[in-house]
């Protein structure tokens, strides 16, 4: 799926597009958050907050 298509679908509130992005980037986002805070719970919270803002 093209990036432009995903962004357009996200803007329209498409749940499938959000699920696609979540599944694609969750692990990487979590690893980055864990690297920064070195705490599993905080990293998980930060990752979820980032996706909520998305």
PDB file of N, CA and C in Angstrom:
ATOM      1  N   UNK A   1       0.848  -1.176   0.000  1.00  0.00           N
ATOM      2  CA  UNK A   1       0.000   0.000   0.000  1.00  0.00           C
ATOM      3  C   UNK A   1       0.896   1.242   0.000  1.00  0.00           C
ATOM      4  N   UNK A   2       0.558   2.222  -0.806  1.00  0.00           N
ATOM      5  CA  UNK A   2       1.350   3.445  -0.895  1.00  0.00           C
ATOM      6  C   UNK A   2       1.142   4.316   0.340  1.00  0.00           C
ATOM      7  N   UNK A   3       2.170   5.059   0.686  1.00  0.00           N
ATOM      8  CA  UNK A   3       2.114   5.931   1.846  1.00  0.00           C
ATOM      9  C   UNK A   3       0.987   6.954   1.722  1.00  0.00           C
ATOM     10  N   UNK A   4       0.830   7.540   0.552  1.00  0.00           N
ATOM     11  CA  UNK A   4      -0.209   8.553   0.346  1.00  0.00           C
ATOM     12  C   UNK A   4      -1.601   7.971   0.589  1.00  0.00           C
ATOM     13  N   UNK A   5      -1.796   6.753   0.138  1.00  0.00           N
ATOM     14  CA  UNK A   5      -3.083   6.082   0.319  1.00  0.00           C
ATOM     15  C   UNK A   5      -3.352   5.836   1.794  1.00  0.00           C
ATOM     16  N   UNK A   6      -2.343   5.389   2.497  1.00  0.00           N
ATOM     17  CA  UNK A   6      -2.501   5.124   3.931  1.00  0.00           C
ATOM     18  C   UNK A   6      -2.840   6.414   4.673  1.00  0.00           C
ATOM     19  N   UNK A   7      -2.122   7.482   4.378  1.00  0.00           N
ATOM     20  CA  UNK A   7      -2.362   8.761   5.046  1.00  0.00           C
ATOM     21  C   UNK A   7      -3.773   9.258   4.770  1.00  0.00           C
ATOM     22  N   UNK A   8      -4.219   9.152   3.541  1.00  0.00           N
ATOM     23  CA  UNK A   8      -5.577   9.583   3.203  1.00  0.00           C
ATOM     24  C   UNK A   8      -6.613   8.762   3.974  1.00  0.00           C
ATOM     25  N   UNK A   9      -6.393   7.467   4.055  1.00  0.00           N
ATOM     26  CA  UNK A   9      -7.328   6.608   4.784  1.00  0.00           C
ATOM     27  C   UNK A   9      -7.309   6.911   6.280  1.00  0.00           C
ATOM     28  N   UNK A  10      -6.124   7.186   6.828  1.00  0.00           N
ATOM     29  CA  UNK A  10      -6.032   7.533   8.241  1.00  0.00           C
ATOM     30  C   UNK A  10      -6.797   8.820   8.537  1.00  0.00           C
ATOM     31  N   UNK A  11      -6.664   9.792   7.653  1.00  0.00           N
ATOM     32  CA  UNK A  11      -7.368  11.063   7.832  1.00  0.00           C
ATOM     33  C   UNK A  11      -8.880  10.876   7.812  1.00  0.00           C
ATOM     34  N   UNK A  12      -9.336   9.873   7.087  1.00  0.00           N
ATOM     35  CA  UNK A  12     -10.774   9.598   7.002  1.00  0.00           C
ATOM     36  C   UNK A  12     -11.250   8.709   8.154  1.00  0.00           C
ATOM     37  N   UNK A  13     -10.315   8.265   9.004  1.00  0.00           N
ATOM     38  CA  UNK A  13     -10.677   7.444  10.146  1.00  0.00           C
ATOM     39  C   UNK A  13     -10.810   5.964   9.837  1.00  0.00           C
ATOM     40  N   UNK A  14     -10.165   5.525   8.792  1.00  0.00           N
ATOM     41  CA  UNK A  14     -10.224   4.116   8.393  1.00  0.00           C
ATOM     42  C   UNK A  14      -9.524   3.235   9.429  1.00  0.00           C
ATOM     43  N   UNK A  15     -10.274   2.355  10.057  1.00  0.00           N
ATOM     44  CA  UNK A  15      -9.745   1.481  11.105  1.00  0.00           C
ATOM     45  C   UNK A  15      -8.737   0.492  10.539  1.00  0.00           C
ATOM     46  N   UNK A  16      -8.984  -0.010   9.356  1.00  0.00           N
ATOM     47  CA  UNK A  16      -8.062  -0.972   8.739  1.00  0.00           C
ATOM     48  C   UNK A  16      -6.698  -0.328   8.471  1.00  0.00           C
ATOM     49  N   UNK A  17      -6.695   0.935   8.051  1.00  0.00           N
ATOM     50  CA  UNK A  17      -5.436   1.635   7.801  1.00  0.00           C
ATOM     51  C   UNK A  17      -4.668   1.820   9.107  1.00  0.00           C
ATOM     52  N   UNK A  18      -5.396   2.164  10.169  1.00  0.00           N
ATOM     53  CA  UNK A  18      -4.743   2.322  11.474  1.00  0.00           C
ATOM     54  C   UNK A  18      -4.156   0.996  11.937  1.00  0.00           C
ATOM     55  N   UNK A  19      -4.911  -0.066  11.782  1.00  0.00           N
ATOM     56  CA  UNK A  19      -4.438  -1.395  12.177  1.00  0.00           C
ATOM     57  C   UNK A  19      -3.174  -1.751  11.388  1.00  0.00           C
ATOM     58  N   UNK A  20      -3.165  -1.439  10.097  1.00  0.00           N
ATOM     59  CA  UNK A  20      -2.011  -1.712   9.252  1.00  0.00           C
ATOM     60  C   UNK A  20      -0.776  -0.982   9.769  1.00  0.00           C
ATOM     61  N   UNK A  21      -0.922   0.310  10.056  1.00  0.00           N
ATOM     62  CA  UNK A  21       0.193   1.125  10.542  1.00  0.00           C
ATOM     63  C   UNK A  21       0.646   0.634  11.916  1.00  0.00           C
ATOM     64  N   UNK A  22      -0.311   0.327  12.776  1.00  0.00           N
ATOM     65  CA  UNK A  22      -0.001  -0.156  14.125  1.00  0.00           C
ATOM     66  C   UNK A  22       0.822  -1.441  14.056  1.00  0.00           C
ATOM     67  N   UNK A  23       0.363  -2.392  13.266  1.00  0.00           N
ATOM     68  CA  UNK A  23       1.070  -3.666  13.154  1.00  0.00           C
ATOM     69  C   UNK A  23       2.438  -3.511  12.493  1.00  0.00           C
ATOM     70  N   UNK A  24       2.545  -2.568  11.604  1.00  0.00           N
ATOM     71  CA  UNK A  24       3.804  -2.342  10.900  1.00  0.00           C
ATOM     72  C   UNK A  24       4.854  -1.663  11.780  1.00  0.00           C
ATOM     73  N   UNK A  25       4.440  -0.724  12.638  1.00  0.00           N
ATOM     74  CA  UNK A  25       5.394   0.096  13.370  1.00  0.00           C
ATOM     75  C   UNK A  25       5.435  -0.100  14.877  1.00  0.00           C
ATOM     76  N   UNK A  26       4.534  -0.898  15.453  1.00  0.00           N
ATOM     77  CA  UNK A  26       4.493  -1.012  16.908  1.00  0.00           C
ATOM     78  C   UNK A  26       5.821  -1.483  17.494  1.00  0.00           C
ATOM     79  N   UNK A  27       6.372  -2.554  16.968  1.00  0.00           N
ATOM     80  CA  UNK A  27       7.613  -3.103  17.536  1.00  0.00           C
ATOM     81  C   UNK A  27       8.753  -2.089  17.485  1.00  0.00           C
ATOM     82  N   UNK A  28       8.895  -1.407  16.365  1.00  0.00           N
ATOM     83  CA  UNK A  28       9.968  -0.420  16.236  1.00  0.00           C
ATOM     84  C   UNK A  28       9.761   0.753  17.190  1.00  0.00           C
ATOM     85  N   UNK A  29       8.519   1.216  17.297  1.00  0.00           N
ATOM     86  CA  UNK A  29       8.217   2.325  18.199  1.00  0.00           C
ATOM     87  C   UNK A  29       8.475   1.917  19.647  1.00  0.00           C
ATOM     88  N   UNK A  30       8.067   0.706  20.007  1.00  0.00           N
ATOM     89  CA  UNK A  30       8.288   0.224  21.366  1.00  0.00           C
ATOM     90  C   UNK A  30       9.781   0.122  21.667  1.00  0.00           C
ATOM     91  N   UNK A  31      10.546  -0.436  20.748  1.00  0.00           N
ATOM     92  CA  UNK A  31      11.987  -0.580  20.957  1.00  0.00           C
ATOM     93  C   UNK A  31      12.654   0.779  21.143  1.00  0.00           C
ATOM     94  N   UNK A  32      12.247   1.768  20.353  1.00  0.00           N
ATOM     95  CA  UNK A  32      12.811   3.115  20.488  1.00  0.00           C
ATOM     96  C   UNK A  32      12.450   3.709  21.846  1.00  0.00           C
ATOM     97  N   UNK A  33      11.192   3.554  22.256  1.00  0.00           N
ATOM     98  CA  UNK A  33      10.763   4.080  23.548  1.00  0.00           C
ATOM     99  C   UNK A  33      11.498   3.375  24.693  1.00  0.00           C
ATOM    100  N   UNK A  34      11.667   2.077  24.587  1.00  0.00           N
ATOM    101  CA  UNK A  34      12.374   1.324  25.625  1.00  0.00           C
ATOM    102  C   UNK A  34      13.838   1.749  25.701  1.00  0.00           C
ATOM    103  N   UNK A  35      14.446   1.988  24.558  1.00  0.00           N
ATOM    104  CA  UNK A  35      15.843   2.438  24.516  1.00  0.00           C
ATOM    105  C   UNK A  35      15.990   3.777  25.242  1.00  0.00           C
ATOM    106  N   UNK A  36      14.999   4.647  25.076  1.00  0.00           N
ATOM    107  CA  UNK A  36      15.053   5.979  25.684  1.00  0.00           C
ATOM    108  C   UNK A  36      14.825   5.920  27.193  1.00  0.00           C
ATOM    109  N   UNK A  37      13.788   5.200  27.637  1.00  0.00           N
ATOM    110  CA  UNK A  37      13.434   5.244  29.060  1.00  0.00           C
ATOM    111  C   UNK A  37      13.903   4.030  29.857  1.00  0.00           C
ATOM    112  N   UNK A  38      14.293   2.948  29.185  1.00  0.00           N
ATOM    113  CA  UNK A  38      14.799   1.741  29.831  1.00  0.00           C
ATOM    114  C   UNK A  38      13.830   1.193  30.886  1.00  0.00           C
ATOM    115  N   UNK A  39      12.541   1.299  30.610  1.00  0.00           N
ATOM    116  CA  UNK A  39      11.512   0.780  31.506  1.00  0.00           C
ATOM    117  C   UNK A  39      10.383   0.231  30.646  1.00  0.00           C
ATOM    118  N   UNK A  40      10.066  -1.048  30.833  1.00  0.00           N
ATOM    119  CA  UNK A  40       9.075  -1.707  29.992  1.00  0.00           C
ATOM    120  C   UNK A  40       7.721  -1.007  30.056  1.00  0.00           C
ATOM    121  N   UNK A  41       7.245  -0.725  31.251  1.00  0.00           N
ATOM    122  CA  UNK A  41       5.930  -0.102  31.422  1.00  0.00           C
ATOM    123  C   UNK A  41       5.856   1.283  30.804  1.00  0.00           C
ATOM    124  N   UNK A  42       6.872   2.095  31.034  1.00  0.00           N
ATOM    125  CA  UNK A  42       6.897   3.440  30.465  1.00  0.00           C
ATOM    126  C   UNK A  42       6.993   3.387  28.942  1.00  0.00           C
ATOM    127  N   UNK A  43       7.772   2.457  28.446  1.00  0.00           N
ATOM    128  CA  UNK A  43       7.918   2.317  26.989  1.00  0.00           C
ATOM    129  C   UNK A  43       6.590   1.910  26.362  1.00  0.00           C
ATOM    130  N   UNK A  44       5.893   0.998  27.016  1.00  0.00           N
ATOM    131  CA  UNK A  44       4.595   0.560  26.513  1.00  0.00           C
ATOM    132  C   UNK A  44       3.593   1.723  26.530  1.00  0.00           C
ATOM    133  N   UNK A  45       3.569   2.475  27.622  1.00  0.00           N
ATOM    134  CA  UNK A  45       2.675   3.640  27.719  1.00  0.00           C
ATOM    135  C   UNK A  45       2.998   4.685  26.661  1.00  0.00           C
ATOM    136  N   UNK A  46       4.279   4.964  26.481  1.00  0.00           N
ATOM    137  CA  UNK A  46       4.690   5.963  25.497  1.00  0.00           C
ATOM    138  C   UNK A  46       4.305   5.535  24.085  1.00  0.00           C
ATOM    139  N   UNK A  47       4.468   4.260  23.799  1.00  0.00           N
ATOM    140  CA  UNK A  47       4.120   3.750  22.479  1.00  0.00           C
ATOM    141  C   UNK A  47       2.621   3.864  22.236  1.00  0.00           C
ATOM    142  N   UNK A  48       1.831   3.500  23.230  1.00  0.00           N
ATOM    143  CA  UNK A  48       0.382   3.595  23.093  1.00  0.00           C
ATOM    144  C   UNK A  48      -0.056   5.058  22.940  1.00  0.00           C
ATOM    145  N   UNK A  49       0.578   5.949  23.681  1.00  0.00           N
ATOM    146  CA  UNK A  49       0.249   7.377  23.566  1.00  0.00           C
ATOM    147  C   UNK A  49       0.558   7.889  22.156  1.00  0.00           C
ATOM    148  N   UNK A  50       1.667   7.451  21.626  1.00  0.00           N
ATOM    149  CA  UNK A  50       2.030   7.881  20.266  1.00  0.00           C
ATOM    150  C   UNK A  50       0.991   7.431  19.256  1.00  0.00           C
ATOM    151  N   UNK A  51       0.524   6.211  19.394  1.00  0.00           N
ATOM    152  CA  UNK A  51      -0.485   5.717  18.448  1.00  0.00           C
ATOM    153  C   UNK A  51      -1.847   6.357  18.689  1.00  0.00           C
ATOM    154  N   UNK A  52      -2.138   6.718  19.922  1.00  0.00           N
ATOM    155  CA  UNK A  52      -3.406   7.429  20.186  1.00  0.00           C
ATOM    156  C   UNK A  52      -3.397   8.798  19.508  1.00  0.00           C
ATOM    157  N   UNK A  53      -2.239   9.449  19.515  1.00  0.00           N
ATOM    158  CA  UNK A  53      -2.138  10.750  18.850  1.00  0.00           C
ATOM    159  C   UNK A  53      -2.233  10.624  17.334  1.00  0.00           C
ATOM    160  N   UNK A  54      -1.806   9.475  16.829  1.00  0.00           N
ATOM    161  CA  UNK A  54      -1.904   9.218  15.385  1.00  0.00           C
ATOM    162  C   UNK A  54      -3.362   9.172  14.996  1.00  0.00           C
TER     163      UNK A  54
END
